[in-house]
Amino acid sequence: MKATKDILDFPWMTEKSTAIRMATNQYVFKVKPNANKIEIKQAIEARFQVKVVAVNTLNVQGKVKRTRG
């Protein structure tokens, strides 16, 4: 198993993630792109001593950078 620092980067604190946390008791983390759901679940359970029910992932594409000149 990989170390938790190799999987979890940091909690994602935005207005939307705070609303999700308050409404449904779900937490949002930024994780490494090569981590799978099983590794994410094990890392969160090891670091925070909680029982993870489900893991949802989302791959966010970067914005297109344009240069002029």
Protein backbone atom coordinates (compact mmCIF):
# COMPACT_ATOMS: atom_id res chain seq x y z
CA MET A 1 0.00 0.00 0.00
CA LYS A 2 1.20 3.51 -0.81
CA ALA A 3 1.71 6.08 1.93
CA THR A 4 -1.19 8.47 2.51
CA LYS A 5 0.98 11.43 1.51
CA ASP A 6 1.45 9.78 -1.89
CA ILE A 7 -2.33 9.68 -2.44
CA LEU A 8 -3.99 12.60 -0.60
CA ASP A 9 -2.89 16.16 -1.33
CA PHE A 10 -5.21 18.32 0.77
CA PRO A 11 -8.89 18.91 1.59
CA TRP A 12 -10.65 20.97 -1.05
CA MET A 13 -12.22 23.98 0.71
CA THR A 14 -14.61 25.92 -1.50
CA GLU A 15 -18.12 27.25 -1.02
CA LYS A 16 -19.55 24.30 -2.91
CA SER A 17 -17.57 21.68 -0.96
CA THR A 18 -18.56 23.34 2.32
CA ALA A 19 -22.24 23.22 1.30
CA ILE A 20 -21.90 19.53 0.39
CA ARG A 21 -20.23 18.80 3.73
CA MET A 22 -22.97 20.57 5.70
CA ALA A 23 -25.86 19.01 3.75
CA THR A 24 -24.76 15.41 3.19
CA ASN A 25 -21.71 14.87 5.44
CA GLN A 26 -19.43 14.30 2.43
CA TYR A 27 -15.85 15.54 2.29
CA VAL A 28 -13.88 16.67 -0.76
CA PHE A 29 -10.13 16.02 -1.21
CA LYS A 30 -7.63 16.76 -3.94
CA VAL A 31 -5.82 13.50 -4.68
CA LYS A 32 -3.04 12.41 -7.00
CA PRO A 33 -4.25 11.63 -10.54
CA ASN A 34 -2.82 8.10 -10.52
CA ALA A 35 -4.69 7.03 -7.34
CA ASN A 36 -7.66 4.70 -7.69
CA LYS A 37 -10.79 4.50 -5.53
CA ILE A 38 -9.52 1.64 -3.38
CA GLU A 39 -6.28 3.47 -2.56
CA ILE A 40 -8.19 6.68 -1.78
CA LYS A 41 -10.54 4.81 0.56
CA GLN A 42 -7.67 3.10 2.40
CA ALA A 43 -5.71 6.37 2.74
CA ILE A 44 -8.67 8.28 4.22
CA GLU A 45 -9.54 5.46 6.61
CA ALA A 46 -5.91 5.24 7.77
CA ARG A 47 -5.39 8.98 8.24
CA PHE A 48 -8.73 9.96 9.84
CA GLN A 49 -9.82 6.68 11.53
CA VAL A 50 -13.26 6.73 9.89
CA LYS A 51 -15.32 4.25 7.88
CA VAL A 52 -15.62 5.34 4.24
CA VAL A 53 -18.95 4.38 2.65
CA ALA A 54 -18.25 5.43 -0.95
CA VAL A 55 -15.66 7.22 -3.04
CA ASN A 56 -16.62 9.40 -6.01
CA THR A 57 -13.91 10.69 -8.33
CA LEU A 58 -13.83 13.41 -10.98
CA ASN A 59 -11.09 14.24 -13.47
CA VAL A 60 -10.93 17.98 -14.07
CA GLN A 61 -9.37 19.16 -17.32
CA GLY A 62 -7.15 22.22 -17.27
CA LYS A 63 -8.06 25.45 -18.99
CA VAL A 64 -6.65 26.20 -22.43
CA LYS A 65 -3.73 28.63 -22.22
CA ARG A 66 -3.27 31.02 -25.13
CA THR A 67 -0.36 33.31 -25.84
CA ARG A 68 -0.22 36.25 -28.14
CA GLY A 69 2.63 37.63 -30.12
